[in-house]
């Protein structure tokens, strides 16, 4: 990917991502599996796996001034999404996985194929790397919702230790009431009854069971 997109660094671009999301701006840098785009306000770190197509356009088309500062999470070595996440650990971020619901908070742990994220709204969440579309660092002077440090603990209390993989982490929640994919659909809130062959049986409020493919679970948090 780097060899393909790197020749367009500095160009004005329009990107279509999965979920019909459109990003316009300047291509700032390209890594193995991540690109940086400046949209006129923020540097967006976009997972390359979610790029459906990328078009080079004129600067007049996007109507955005070129950046006058450098990205916050610059990499001296070959840039990758995992390195960006590691650099971003503890910084206030907006992350995006689905729909029109960005999540605000900070990364507290990074494992093989997921990371733990603390949100003032959702508290501790587990986010599948496979479904992370982008992250945007906050200005260093801001915190989510302008909350004080007392409301944004550096080491949030959480009795559940992190497993090496997302699948095992979800298995540790068998018997617990959980919210999947931010609870955008009512059937994504319930108790995990069992997991077999990456199929999650979730018991909903009315007592009925729904069977979910683990590969389509993007985020998990306890209510």
N, C-alpha and C. Protein backbone atom coordinates (compact mmCIF):
# COMPACT_ATOMS: atom_id res chain seq x y z
N UNK A 1 0.82 -1.19 0.00
CA UNK A 1 0.00 0.00 0.00
C UNK A 1 0.86 1.26 0.00
N UNK A 2 1.95 1.24 0.78
CA UNK A 2 2.79 2.43 0.89
C UNK A 2 3.29 2.87 -0.47
N UNK A 3 3.71 1.93 -1.30
CA UNK A 3 4.25 2.28 -2.61
C UNK A 3 3.18 2.87 -3.51
N UNK A 4 1.93 2.48 -3.32
CA UNK A 4 0.85 2.97 -4.16
C UNK A 4 0.45 4.38 -3.76
N UNK A 5 0.15 4.59 -2.48
CA UNK A 5 -0.38 5.87 -2.03
C UNK A 5 0.70 6.92 -1.75
N UNK A 6 1.93 6.51 -1.47
CA UNK A 6 2.95 7.46 -1.04
C UNK A 6 3.26 8.50 -2.12
N UNK A 7 3.07 8.17 -3.38
CA UNK A 7 3.35 9.14 -4.45
C UNK A 7 2.34 10.29 -4.46
N UNK A 8 1.24 10.12 -3.68
CA UNK A 8 0.21 11.16 -3.63
C UNK A 8 0.31 12.03 -2.37
N UNK A 9 1.36 11.85 -1.57
CA UNK A 9 1.51 12.65 -0.36
C UNK A 9 1.56 14.14 -0.73
N UNK A 10 0.76 14.93 -0.03
CA UNK A 10 0.67 16.36 -0.32
C UNK A 10 -0.47 16.72 -1.24
N UNK A 11 -1.08 15.72 -1.86
CA UNK A 11 -2.18 15.97 -2.79
C UNK A 11 -3.51 16.11 -2.05
N UNK A 12 -4.45 16.82 -2.67
CA UNK A 12 -5.83 16.88 -2.18
C UNK A 12 -6.53 15.59 -2.60
N UNK A 13 -7.26 14.98 -1.65
CA UNK A 13 -7.88 13.68 -1.93
C UNK A 13 -9.30 13.61 -1.39
N UNK A 14 -10.05 12.69 -1.92
CA UNK A 14 -11.35 12.31 -1.37
C UNK A 14 -11.33 10.80 -1.20
N UNK A 15 -11.65 10.34 0.01
CA UNK A 15 -11.63 8.91 0.33
C UNK A 15 -13.04 8.45 0.68
N UNK A 16 -13.44 7.33 0.11
CA UNK A 16 -14.66 6.67 0.55
C UNK A 16 -14.28 5.48 1.41
N UNK A 17 -14.83 5.45 2.64
CA UNK A 17 -14.56 4.35 3.56
C UNK A 17 -15.74 3.41 3.63
N UNK A 18 -15.54 2.24 4.19
CA UNK A 18 -16.65 1.33 4.43
C UNK A 18 -17.68 2.03 5.31
N UNK A 19 -18.95 1.69 5.11
CA UNK A 19 -20.00 2.37 5.84
C UNK A 19 -20.41 3.67 5.17
N UNK A 20 -19.93 3.88 3.92
CA UNK A 20 -20.29 5.06 3.11
C UNK A 20 -19.85 6.37 3.76
N UNK A 21 -18.74 6.33 4.49
CA UNK A 21 -18.18 7.55 5.07
C UNK A 21 -17.20 8.18 4.08
N UNK A 22 -17.26 9.50 3.96
CA UNK A 22 -16.39 10.24 3.05
C UNK A 22 -15.46 11.15 3.85
N UNK A 23 -14.18 11.13 3.50
CA UNK A 23 -13.19 12.01 4.12
C UNK A 23 -12.50 12.81 3.02
N UNK A 24 -12.43 14.13 3.21
CA UNK A 24 -11.77 15.02 2.25
C UNK A 24 -10.63 15.72 2.94
N UNK A 25 -9.52 15.90 2.23
CA UNK A 25 -8.41 16.61 2.83
C UNK A 25 -7.13 16.41 2.06
N UNK A 26 -6.01 16.58 2.75
CA UNK A 26 -4.69 16.40 2.16
C UNK A 26 -4.06 15.13 2.71
N UNK A 27 -3.48 14.35 1.81
CA UNK A 27 -2.76 13.15 2.24
C UNK A 27 -1.42 13.58 2.82
N UNK A 28 -1.22 13.31 4.11
CA UNK A 28 -0.04 13.79 4.82
C UNK A 28 1.06 12.74 4.89
N UNK A 29 0.68 11.50 5.16
CA UNK A 29 1.69 10.44 5.28
C UNK A 29 1.03 9.10 5.06
N UNK A 30 1.86 8.11 4.73
CA UNK A 30 1.36 6.77 4.40
C UNK A 30 2.23 5.74 5.12
N UNK A 31 1.60 4.77 5.77
CA UNK A 31 2.31 3.68 6.41
C UNK A 31 1.90 2.35 5.82
N UNK A 32 2.27 1.27 6.51
CA UNK A 32 1.94 -0.07 6.02
C UNK A 32 0.44 -0.30 5.94
N UNK A 33 -0.29 0.13 6.97
CA UNK A 33 -1.71 -0.15 7.04
C UNK A 33 -2.51 1.04 7.56
N UNK A 34 -1.93 2.24 7.44
CA UNK A 34 -2.60 3.44 7.95
C UNK A 34 -2.16 4.63 7.11
N UNK A 35 -3.05 5.58 6.94
CA UNK A 35 -2.68 6.83 6.28
C UNK A 35 -3.12 7.99 7.17
N UNK A 36 -2.48 9.16 7.00
CA UNK A 36 -2.85 10.36 7.73
C UNK A 36 -3.42 11.37 6.75
N UNK A 37 -4.60 11.88 7.06
CA UNK A 37 -5.26 12.88 6.23
C UNK A 37 -5.56 14.10 7.09
N UNK A 38 -5.28 15.28 6.55
CA UNK A 38 -5.64 16.53 7.22
C UNK A 38 -6.92 17.07 6.59
N UNK A 39 -7.97 17.25 7.38
CA UNK A 39 -9.28 17.65 6.85
C UNK A 39 -9.61 19.13 7.06
N UNK A 40 -8.60 19.91 7.39
CA UNK A 40 -8.81 21.33 7.62
C UNK A 40 -8.87 21.68 9.09
N UNK A 41 -9.14 20.70 9.93
CA UNK A 41 -9.21 20.91 11.38
C UNK A 41 -8.35 19.90 12.14
N UNK A 42 -8.41 18.65 11.70
CA UNK A 42 -7.75 17.57 12.44
C UNK A 42 -6.90 16.71 11.52
N UNK A 43 -5.93 16.02 12.13
CA UNK A 43 -5.21 14.95 11.44
C UNK A 43 -5.94 13.65 11.76
N UNK A 44 -6.40 12.98 10.70
CA UNK A 44 -7.17 11.75 10.87
C UNK A 44 -6.28 10.57 10.49
N UNK A 45 -6.15 9.64 11.41
CA UNK A 45 -5.35 8.43 11.18
C UNK A 45 -6.32 7.33 10.75
N UNK A 46 -6.29 6.98 9.48
CA UNK A 46 -7.29 6.11 8.89
C UNK A 46 -6.71 4.72 8.64
N UNK A 47 -7.42 3.70 9.11
CA UNK A 47 -7.02 2.32 8.84
C UNK A 47 -7.20 2.01 7.36
N UNK A 48 -6.14 1.60 6.69
CA UNK A 48 -6.19 1.38 5.25
C UNK A 48 -7.15 0.26 4.86
N UNK A 49 -7.42 -0.66 5.77
CA UNK A 49 -8.31 -1.78 5.45
C UNK A 49 -9.74 -1.32 5.21
N UNK A 50 -10.07 -0.10 5.64
CA UNK A 50 -11.43 0.41 5.46
C UNK A 50 -11.56 1.37 4.28
N UNK A 51 -10.47 1.57 3.54
CA UNK A 51 -10.53 2.45 2.37
C UNK A 51 -11.12 1.68 1.19
N UNK A 52 -12.27 2.15 0.70
CA UNK A 52 -12.88 1.53 -0.49
C UNK A 52 -12.27 2.10 -1.75
N UNK A 53 -12.10 3.42 -1.79
CA UNK A 53 -11.44 4.04 -2.92
C UNK A 53 -10.88 5.40 -2.54
N UNK A 54 -9.88 5.85 -3.28
CA UNK A 54 -9.21 7.12 -3.04
C UNK A 54 -9.06 7.83 -4.37
N UNK A 55 -9.46 9.10 -4.40
CA UNK A 55 -9.38 9.89 -5.62
C UNK A 55 -8.53 11.14 -5.39
N UNK A 56 -7.71 11.49 -6.37
CA UNK A 56 -6.94 12.72 -6.34
C UNK A 56 -7.78 13.81 -7.00
N UNK A 57 -7.94 14.93 -6.30
CA UNK A 57 -8.77 16.03 -6.82
C UNK A 57 -7.98 17.33 -6.72
N UNK A 58 -8.56 18.40 -7.23
CA UNK A 58 -7.90 19.71 -7.13
C UNK A 58 -8.09 20.28 -5.73
N UNK A 59 -7.20 21.16 -5.34
CA UNK A 59 -7.32 21.81 -4.04
C UNK A 59 -8.59 22.65 -3.95
N UNK A 60 -9.02 23.18 -5.09
CA UNK A 60 -10.26 23.96 -5.12
C UNK A 60 -11.47 23.08 -4.82
N UNK A 61 -11.39 21.82 -5.21
CA UNK A 61 -12.51 20.90 -5.00
C UNK A 61 -12.80 20.69 -3.52
N UNK A 62 -11.77 20.54 -2.72
CA UNK A 62 -12.00 20.28 -1.29
C UNK A 62 -12.14 21.57 -0.49
N UNK A 63 -11.60 22.68 -1.00
CA UNK A 63 -11.75 23.96 -0.31
C UNK A 63 -11.16 24.00 1.08
N UNK A 64 -10.00 23.35 1.27
CA UNK A 64 -9.35 23.27 2.58
C UNK A 64 -7.93 23.82 2.47
N UNK A 65 -7.55 24.64 3.44
CA UNK A 65 -6.18 25.15 3.47
C UNK A 65 -5.23 24.03 3.90
N UNK A 66 -4.03 24.07 3.36
CA UNK A 66 -3.03 23.07 3.74
C UNK A 66 -2.59 23.28 5.19
N UNK A 67 -2.18 22.21 5.87
CA UNK A 67 -1.82 22.33 7.29
C UNK A 67 -0.55 23.16 7.48
N UNK A 68 -0.48 23.85 8.61
CA UNK A 68 0.72 24.64 8.95
C UNK A 68 1.49 24.00 10.09
N UNK A 69 0.98 22.89 10.63
CA UNK A 69 1.65 22.15 11.70
C UNK A 69 1.77 20.70 11.30
N UNK A 70 2.54 19.93 12.05
CA UNK A 70 2.76 18.51 11.76
C UNK A 70 1.81 17.64 12.58
N UNK A 71 1.56 16.41 12.13
CA UNK A 71 0.72 15.48 12.91
C UNK A 71 1.30 15.24 14.30
N UNK A 72 0.41 14.98 15.26
CA UNK A 72 0.83 14.79 16.65
C UNK A 72 1.60 13.49 16.84
N UNK A 73 1.20 12.44 16.11
CA UNK A 73 1.80 11.12 16.30
C UNK A 73 2.70 10.76 15.12
N UNK A 74 3.71 11.56 14.89
CA UNK A 74 4.64 11.27 13.81
C UNK A 74 5.50 10.07 14.18
N UNK A 75 5.93 9.33 13.16
CA UNK A 75 6.74 8.13 13.37
C UNK A 75 8.06 8.26 12.63
N UNK A 76 9.16 8.03 13.34
CA UNK A 76 10.47 8.08 12.69
C UNK A 76 10.69 6.83 11.84
N UNK A 77 10.19 5.69 12.31
CA UNK A 77 10.34 4.45 11.55
C UNK A 77 9.09 4.23 10.70
N UNK A 78 9.03 3.08 10.05
CA UNK A 78 7.88 2.75 9.21
C UNK A 78 6.59 2.84 10.01
N UNK A 79 5.67 3.65 9.56
CA UNK A 79 4.43 3.89 10.31
C UNK A 79 3.48 2.72 10.14
N UNK A 80 2.82 2.35 11.24
CA UNK A 80 1.80 1.31 11.21
C UNK A 80 0.70 1.69 12.19
N UNK A 81 -0.46 1.09 12.04
CA UNK A 81 -1.58 1.40 12.92
C UNK A 81 -1.25 1.03 14.36
N UNK A 82 -0.60 -0.11 14.56
CA UNK A 82 -0.26 -0.52 15.93
C UNK A 82 0.72 0.46 16.57
N UNK A 83 1.70 0.94 15.81
CA UNK A 83 2.64 1.92 16.36
C UNK A 83 1.93 3.23 16.70
N UNK A 84 0.98 3.62 15.86
CA UNK A 84 0.20 4.83 16.14
C UNK A 84 -0.59 4.65 17.43
N UNK A 85 -1.23 3.51 17.59
CA UNK A 85 -2.01 3.25 18.80
C UNK A 85 -1.12 3.27 20.03
N UNK A 86 0.07 2.70 19.93
CA UNK A 86 1.00 2.68 21.05
C UNK A 86 1.43 4.09 21.42
N UNK A 87 1.72 4.91 20.41
CA UNK A 87 2.11 6.29 20.64
C UNK A 87 0.95 7.08 21.25
N UNK A 88 -0.27 6.73 20.84
CA UNK A 88 -1.46 7.48 21.28
C UNK A 88 -1.96 7.04 22.65
N UNK A 89 -1.40 6.00 23.22
CA UNK A 89 -1.88 5.49 24.50
C UNK A 89 -1.84 6.59 25.56
N UNK A 90 -2.98 6.81 26.21
CA UNK A 90 -3.07 7.82 27.25
C UNK A 90 -3.46 9.20 26.77
N UNK A 91 -3.41 9.43 25.43
CA UNK A 91 -3.81 10.73 24.88
C UNK A 91 -5.32 10.74 24.63
N UNK A 92 -5.93 11.90 24.74
CA UNK A 92 -7.36 12.00 24.46
C UNK A 92 -7.60 11.87 22.97
N UNK A 93 -8.55 11.01 22.62
CA UNK A 93 -8.80 10.68 21.22
C UNK A 93 -10.29 10.64 20.91
N UNK A 94 -10.58 10.81 19.63
CA UNK A 94 -11.87 10.40 19.09
C UNK A 94 -11.61 9.18 18.23
N UNK A 95 -12.32 8.08 18.49
CA UNK A 95 -12.19 6.92 17.63
C UNK A 95 -13.54 6.65 16.98
N UNK A 96 -13.48 5.96 15.86
CA UNK A 96 -14.71 5.74 15.09
C UNK A 96 -14.73 4.30 14.60
N UNK A 97 -15.82 3.61 14.84
CA UNK A 97 -15.95 2.23 14.37
C UNK A 97 -17.17 2.02 13.49
N UNK A 98 -18.27 2.76 13.75
CA UNK A 98 -19.52 2.44 13.06
C UNK A 98 -20.50 3.60 13.12
N UNK A 99 -21.51 3.56 12.22
CA UNK A 99 -22.62 4.49 12.27
C UNK A 99 -22.18 5.93 12.34
N UNK A 100 -22.85 6.72 13.14
CA UNK A 100 -22.51 8.13 13.32
C UNK A 100 -22.17 8.41 14.77
N UNK A 101 -21.54 7.44 15.43
CA UNK A 101 -21.26 7.57 16.85
C UNK A 101 -19.76 7.47 17.14
N UNK A 102 -19.03 8.58 17.02
CA UNK A 102 -17.64 8.54 17.46
C UNK A 102 -17.58 8.34 18.97
N UNK A 103 -16.47 7.80 19.44
CA UNK A 103 -16.28 7.54 20.87
C UNK A 103 -15.10 8.37 21.33
N UNK A 104 -15.23 9.00 22.49
CA UNK A 104 -14.21 9.90 23.00
C UNK A 104 -13.61 9.35 24.29
N UNK A 105 -12.30 9.43 24.40
CA UNK A 105 -11.63 8.92 25.58
C UNK A 105 -10.16 8.66 25.30
N UNK A 106 -9.61 7.59 25.88
CA UNK A 106 -8.20 7.30 25.66
C UNK A 106 -7.93 5.81 25.78
N UNK A 107 -6.88 5.39 25.10
CA UNK A 107 -6.47 3.99 25.09
C UNK A 107 -5.76 3.66 26.40
N UNK A 108 -6.14 2.52 27.01
CA UNK A 108 -5.49 2.10 28.25
C UNK A 108 -4.67 0.82 28.09
N UNK A 109 -4.89 0.08 27.02
CA UNK A 109 -4.14 -1.16 26.81
C UNK A 109 -4.29 -1.63 25.37
N UNK A 110 -3.23 -2.23 24.83
CA UNK A 110 -3.25 -2.70 23.44
C UNK A 110 -2.83 -4.16 23.43
N UNK A 111 -3.69 -5.01 22.89
CA UNK A 111 -3.40 -6.44 22.82
C UNK A 111 -3.26 -6.88 21.37
N UNK A 112 -3.34 -8.19 21.10
CA UNK A 112 -3.06 -8.69 19.76
C UNK A 112 -3.96 -8.11 18.69
N UNK A 113 -5.27 -8.19 18.90
CA UNK A 113 -6.20 -7.75 17.85
C UNK A 113 -7.32 -6.85 18.39
N UNK A 114 -7.07 -6.22 19.53
CA UNK A 114 -8.03 -5.28 20.10
C UNK A 114 -7.31 -4.37 21.07
N UNK A 115 -8.02 -3.34 21.51
CA UNK A 115 -7.45 -2.48 22.55
C UNK A 115 -8.53 -2.10 23.55
N UNK A 116 -8.10 -1.77 24.75
CA UNK A 116 -9.00 -1.30 25.79
C UNK A 116 -9.04 0.22 25.72
N UNK A 117 -10.24 0.77 25.84
CA UNK A 117 -10.43 2.20 25.67
C UNK A 117 -11.32 2.70 26.79
N UNK A 118 -10.91 3.79 27.45
CA UNK A 118 -11.72 4.34 28.52
C UNK A 118 -12.49 5.55 28.02
N UNK A 119 -13.81 5.47 28.11
CA UNK A 119 -14.70 6.54 27.69
C UNK A 119 -15.46 7.06 28.90
N UNK A 120 -15.57 8.39 29.05
CA UNK A 120 -16.37 8.92 30.16
C UNK A 120 -17.83 8.48 30.10
N UNK A 121 -18.32 8.17 28.91
CA UNK A 121 -19.71 7.75 28.73
C UNK A 121 -19.86 6.25 28.92
N UNK A 122 -19.04 5.46 28.25
CA UNK A 122 -19.19 4.00 28.24
C UNK A 122 -18.26 3.30 29.23
N UNK A 123 -17.36 4.05 29.87
CA UNK A 123 -16.35 3.50 30.77
C UNK A 123 -15.40 2.59 29.99
N UNK A 124 -14.95 1.49 30.58
CA UNK A 124 -13.98 0.64 29.89
C UNK A 124 -14.64 -0.14 28.76
N UNK A 125 -14.05 -0.02 27.58
CA UNK A 125 -14.56 -0.71 26.39
C UNK A 125 -13.45 -1.56 25.80
N UNK A 126 -13.86 -2.57 25.04
CA UNK A 126 -12.92 -3.38 24.29
C UNK A 126 -13.27 -3.20 22.81
N UNK A 127 -12.29 -2.74 22.03
CA UNK A 127 -12.53 -2.35 20.64
C UNK A 127 -11.71 -3.24 19.72
N UNK A 128 -12.38 -3.89 18.79
CA UNK A 128 -11.71 -4.76 17.83
C UNK A 128 -10.90 -3.92 16.85
N UNK A 129 -9.61 -4.25 16.69
CA UNK A 129 -8.78 -3.53 15.73
C UNK A 129 -9.30 -3.68 14.31
N UNK A 130 -9.90 -4.81 14.03
CA UNK A 130 -10.44 -5.07 12.70
C UNK A 130 -11.48 -4.03 12.30
N UNK A 131 -12.19 -3.48 13.30
CA UNK A 131 -13.29 -2.57 13.00
C UNK A 131 -12.96 -1.10 13.26
N UNK A 132 -11.74 -0.80 13.68
CA UNK A 132 -11.36 0.59 13.90
C UNK A 132 -11.16 1.27 12.54
N UNK A 133 -11.97 2.29 12.25
CA UNK A 133 -11.85 2.99 10.97
C UNK A 133 -10.84 4.13 11.05
N UNK A 134 -10.91 4.91 12.14
CA UNK A 134 -9.94 5.99 12.29
C UNK A 134 -9.83 6.42 13.74
N UNK A 135 -8.79 7.20 14.00
CA UNK A 135 -8.67 7.89 15.28
C UNK A 135 -8.20 9.31 15.00
N UNK A 136 -8.64 10.23 15.87
CA UNK A 136 -8.28 11.64 15.76
C UNK A 136 -7.79 12.10 17.13
N UNK A 137 -6.56 12.57 17.24
CA UNK A 137 -6.09 13.07 18.54
C UNK A 137 -6.70 14.44 18.85
N UNK A 138 -7.02 14.66 20.11
CA UNK A 138 -7.50 15.95 20.57
C UNK A 138 -6.36 16.95 20.60
N UNK A 139 -6.72 18.21 20.64
CA UNK A 139 -5.74 19.23 21.00
C UNK A 139 -5.22 18.90 22.39
N UNK A 140 -3.94 19.15 22.63
CA UNK A 140 -3.35 18.82 23.94
C UNK A 140 -3.98 19.62 25.07
N UNK A 141 -4.71 20.68 24.74
CA UNK A 141 -5.32 21.53 25.77
C UNK A 141 -6.74 21.11 26.13
N UNK A 142 -7.24 20.09 25.45
CA UNK A 142 -8.63 19.71 25.65
C UNK A 142 -8.75 18.31 26.25
N UNK A 143 -9.85 18.09 26.94
CA UNK A 143 -10.23 16.74 27.39
C UNK A 143 -11.65 16.50 26.95
N UNK A 144 -12.08 15.25 26.80
CA UNK A 144 -13.45 14.98 26.38
C UNK A 144 -14.46 15.67 27.29
N UNK A 145 -15.38 16.39 26.68
CA UNK A 145 -16.46 17.07 27.41
C UNK A 145 -15.92 18.09 28.42
N UNK A 146 -14.62 18.47 28.30
CA UNK A 146 -13.96 19.39 29.23
C UNK A 146 -14.05 18.90 30.68
N UNK A 147 -13.98 17.59 30.83
CA UNK A 147 -14.04 17.02 32.16
C UNK A 147 -12.72 17.22 32.90
N UNK A 148 -12.80 17.24 34.21
CA UNK A 148 -11.60 17.37 35.03
C UNK A 148 -10.89 16.02 35.10
N UNK A 149 -9.64 16.04 35.57
CA UNK A 149 -8.86 14.81 35.69
C UNK A 149 -9.50 13.82 36.66
N UNK A 150 -10.26 14.34 37.63
CA UNK A 150 -10.92 13.46 38.60
C UNK A 150 -11.95 12.57 37.91
N UNK A 151 -12.51 13.06 36.81
CA UNK A 151 -13.52 12.29 36.07
C UNK A 151 -12.92 11.50 34.92
N UNK A 152 -11.60 11.62 34.75
CA UNK A 152 -10.91 10.87 33.70
C UNK A 152 -9.69 10.20 34.33
N UNK A 153 -9.89 9.12 35.06
CA UNK A 153 -8.78 8.48 35.78
C UNK A 153 -7.72 7.93 34.84
N UNK A 154 -6.46 8.15 35.20
CA UNK A 154 -5.36 7.65 34.38
C UNK A 154 -5.37 6.12 34.34
N UNK A 155 -5.68 5.51 35.47
CA UNK A 155 -5.77 4.05 35.55
C UNK A 155 -7.17 3.68 36.03
N UNK A 156 -8.14 3.64 35.12
CA UNK A 156 -9.51 3.35 35.54
C UNK A 156 -9.63 2.00 36.22
N UNK A 157 -10.45 1.93 37.24
CA UNK A 157 -10.66 0.69 37.97
C UNK A 157 -11.40 -0.31 37.11
N UNK A 158 -10.82 -1.49 36.96
CA UNK A 158 -11.46 -2.53 36.15
C UNK A 158 -10.95 -3.88 36.64
N UNK A 159 -11.85 -4.70 37.13
CA UNK A 159 -11.45 -5.98 37.71
C UNK A 159 -11.12 -7.03 36.65
N UNK A 160 -11.42 -6.75 35.39
CA UNK A 160 -11.20 -7.73 34.34
C UNK A 160 -9.83 -7.49 33.71
N UNK A 161 -8.94 -8.47 33.82
CA UNK A 161 -7.63 -8.34 33.19
C UNK A 161 -7.76 -8.57 31.69
N UNK A 162 -6.81 -8.03 30.94
CA UNK A 162 -6.87 -8.13 29.48
C UNK A 162 -6.32 -9.46 28.99
N UNK A 163 -7.10 -10.14 28.16
CA UNK A 163 -6.64 -11.37 27.51
C UNK A 163 -5.84 -11.00 26.27
N UNK A 164 -5.15 -11.98 25.70
CA UNK A 164 -4.28 -11.68 24.57
C UNK A 164 -5.05 -11.38 23.29
N UNK A 165 -6.29 -11.89 23.17
CA UNK A 165 -7.06 -11.67 21.95
C UNK A 165 -8.46 -11.21 22.28
N UNK A 166 -9.09 -10.58 21.31
CA UNK A 166 -10.45 -10.07 21.47
C UNK A 166 -11.42 -11.22 21.76
N UNK A 167 -11.25 -12.33 21.06
CA UNK A 167 -12.14 -13.47 21.23
C UNK A 167 -12.09 -14.02 22.66
N UNK A 168 -10.89 -14.14 23.21
CA UNK A 168 -10.74 -14.65 24.57
C UNK A 168 -11.28 -13.63 25.58
N UNK A 169 -11.08 -12.34 25.28
CA UNK A 169 -11.60 -11.31 26.18
C UNK A 169 -13.12 -11.37 26.26
N UNK A 170 -13.78 -11.59 25.12
CA UNK A 170 -15.24 -11.70 25.11
C UNK A 170 -15.67 -12.96 25.86
N UNK A 171 -14.91 -14.04 25.72
CA UNK A 171 -15.23 -15.28 26.44
C UNK A 171 -15.19 -15.08 27.95
N UNK A 172 -14.30 -14.20 28.41
CA UNK A 172 -14.21 -13.93 29.84
C UNK A 172 -15.46 -13.25 30.38
N UNK A 173 -16.29 -12.76 29.48
CA UNK A 173 -17.51 -12.06 29.89
C UNK A 173 -18.75 -12.95 29.86
N UNK A 174 -18.55 -14.26 29.64
CA UNK A 174 -19.69 -15.19 29.68
C UNK A 174 -20.37 -15.08 31.05
N UNK A 175 -21.68 -14.94 31.02
CA UNK A 175 -22.46 -14.76 32.24
C UNK A 175 -22.69 -13.31 32.61
N UNK A 176 -22.03 -12.39 31.89
CA UNK A 176 -22.15 -10.96 32.20
C UNK A 176 -23.14 -10.28 31.27
N UNK A 177 -23.75 -9.23 31.77
CA UNK A 177 -24.59 -8.36 30.96
C UNK A 177 -23.68 -7.41 30.21
N UNK A 178 -23.83 -7.35 28.88
CA UNK A 178 -22.92 -6.54 28.06
C UNK A 178 -23.70 -5.71 27.05
N UNK A 179 -23.00 -4.71 26.54
CA UNK A 179 -23.51 -3.90 25.43
C UNK A 179 -22.54 -4.08 24.28
N UNK A 180 -23.04 -4.55 23.14
CA UNK A 180 -22.21 -4.77 21.96
C UNK A 180 -22.47 -3.67 20.94
N UNK A 181 -21.40 -3.27 20.25
CA UNK A 181 -21.52 -2.28 19.17
C UNK A 181 -22.29 -1.04 19.61
N UNK A 182 -22.00 -0.59 20.82
CA UNK A 182 -22.59 0.62 21.41
C UNK A 182 -24.09 0.50 21.64
N UNK A 183 -24.64 -0.72 21.48
CA UNK A 183 -26.06 -0.92 21.72
C UNK A 183 -26.97 -0.20 20.74
N UNK A 184 -26.47 -0.02 19.49
CA UNK A 184 -27.27 0.71 18.50
C UNK A 184 -28.56 -0.03 18.17
N UNK A 185 -28.56 -1.34 18.33
CA UNK A 185 -29.77 -2.13 18.17
C UNK A 185 -30.09 -2.81 19.50
N UNK A 186 -31.38 -2.90 19.81
CA UNK A 186 -31.80 -3.45 21.10
C UNK A 186 -31.29 -4.86 21.32
N UNK A 187 -31.19 -5.64 20.23
CA UNK A 187 -30.76 -7.03 20.38
C UNK A 187 -29.26 -7.15 20.64
N UNK A 188 -28.54 -6.05 20.70
CA UNK A 188 -27.11 -6.08 20.99
C UNK A 188 -26.82 -5.80 22.46
N UNK A 189 -27.87 -5.81 23.27
CA UNK A 189 -27.72 -5.65 24.71
C UNK A 189 -28.29 -6.90 25.39
N UNK A 190 -27.48 -7.56 26.20
CA UNK A 190 -27.96 -8.77 26.85
C UNK A 190 -26.87 -9.49 27.61
N UNK A 191 -27.18 -10.69 28.05
CA UNK A 191 -26.22 -11.51 28.79
C UNK A 191 -25.59 -12.53 27.86
N UNK A 192 -24.26 -12.60 27.90
CA UNK A 192 -23.58 -13.62 27.11
C UNK A 192 -23.79 -14.97 27.78
N UNK A 193 -24.50 -15.85 27.11
CA UNK A 193 -24.81 -17.17 27.68
C UNK A 193 -23.70 -18.17 27.40
N UNK A 194 -23.25 -18.21 26.15
CA UNK A 194 -22.16 -19.12 25.80
C UNK A 194 -21.57 -18.69 24.47
N UNK A 195 -20.38 -19.22 24.17
CA UNK A 195 -19.69 -18.95 22.92
C UNK A 195 -19.16 -20.27 22.38
N UNK A 196 -19.46 -20.54 21.13
CA UNK A 196 -18.98 -21.78 20.50
C UNK A 196 -18.69 -21.51 19.03
N UNK A 197 -17.48 -21.89 18.61
CA UNK A 197 -17.06 -21.68 17.21
C UNK A 197 -17.26 -20.25 16.76
N UNK A 198 -16.88 -19.31 17.64
CA UNK A 198 -16.97 -17.88 17.36
C UNK A 198 -18.40 -17.38 17.18
N UNK A 199 -19.38 -18.13 17.66
CA UNK A 199 -20.77 -17.70 17.67
C UNK A 199 -21.16 -17.40 19.12
N UNK A 200 -21.63 -16.18 19.33
CA UNK A 200 -21.99 -15.73 20.68
C UNK A 200 -23.50 -15.84 20.86
N UNK A 201 -23.93 -16.60 21.88
CA UNK A 201 -25.35 -16.63 22.23
C UNK A 201 -25.60 -15.53 23.25
N UNK A 202 -26.45 -14.58 22.87
CA UNK A 202 -26.78 -13.45 23.73
C UNK A 202 -28.25 -13.53 24.12
N UNK A 203 -28.52 -13.51 25.41
CA UNK A 203 -29.90 -13.55 25.89
C UNK A 203 -30.39 -12.11 26.08
N UNK A 204 -31.43 -11.77 25.37
CA UNK A 204 -31.96 -10.41 25.41
C UNK A 204 -32.90 -10.21 26.59
N UNK A 205 -33.39 -8.98 26.76
CA UNK A 205 -34.21 -8.65 27.92
C UNK A 205 -35.46 -9.50 28.02
N UNK A 206 -36.04 -9.88 26.88
CA UNK A 206 -37.28 -10.68 26.89
C UNK A 206 -37.01 -12.17 27.07
N UNK A 207 -35.74 -12.56 27.23
CA UNK A 207 -35.40 -13.96 27.45
C UNK A 207 -35.08 -14.74 26.19
N UNK A 208 -35.33 -14.14 25.03
CA UNK A 208 -34.99 -14.80 23.77
C UNK A 208 -33.49 -14.76 23.54
N UNK A 209 -33.00 -15.73 22.77
CA UNK A 209 -31.58 -15.77 22.42
C UNK A 209 -31.37 -15.28 21.00
N UNK A 210 -30.26 -14.59 20.79
CA UNK A 210 -29.82 -14.23 19.45
C UNK A 210 -28.39 -14.72 19.32
N UNK A 211 -28.02 -15.16 18.12
CA UNK A 211 -26.71 -15.76 17.90
C UNK A 211 -25.91 -14.84 16.98
N UNK A 212 -24.77 -14.35 17.49
CA UNK A 212 -24.00 -13.33 16.80
C UNK A 212 -22.64 -13.87 16.38
N UNK A 213 -22.24 -13.53 15.16
CA UNK A 213 -20.92 -13.88 14.67
C UNK A 213 -19.90 -12.96 15.33
N UNK A 214 -18.92 -13.54 16.02
CA UNK A 214 -17.91 -12.76 16.73
C UNK A 214 -17.21 -11.77 15.80
N UNK A 215 -17.05 -12.14 14.52
CA UNK A 215 -16.33 -11.28 13.58
C UNK A 215 -17.02 -9.94 13.36
N UNK A 216 -18.31 -9.86 13.70
CA UNK A 216 -19.06 -8.62 13.48
C UNK A 216 -19.27 -7.83 14.77
N UNK A 217 -18.62 -8.27 15.84
CA UNK A 217 -18.67 -7.51 17.09
C UNK A 217 -17.54 -6.49 17.05
N UNK A 218 -17.90 -5.24 17.14
CA UNK A 218 -16.92 -4.16 17.02
C UNK A 218 -16.44 -3.64 18.35
N UNK A 219 -17.39 -3.43 19.28
CA UNK A 219 -17.04 -2.95 20.60
C UNK A 219 -17.84 -3.72 21.65
N UNK A 220 -17.27 -3.85 22.83
CA UNK A 220 -17.94 -4.50 23.96
C UNK A 220 -17.71 -3.65 25.20
N UNK A 221 -18.77 -3.38 25.94
CA UNK A 221 -18.59 -2.77 27.26
C UNK A 221 -19.67 -3.23 28.20
N UNK A 222 -19.40 -3.13 29.48
CA UNK A 222 -20.38 -3.50 30.50
C UNK A 222 -21.28 -2.30 30.79
N UNK A 223 -22.57 -2.50 30.96
CA UNK A 223 -23.47 -1.37 31.23
C UNK A 223 -23.25 -0.79 32.61
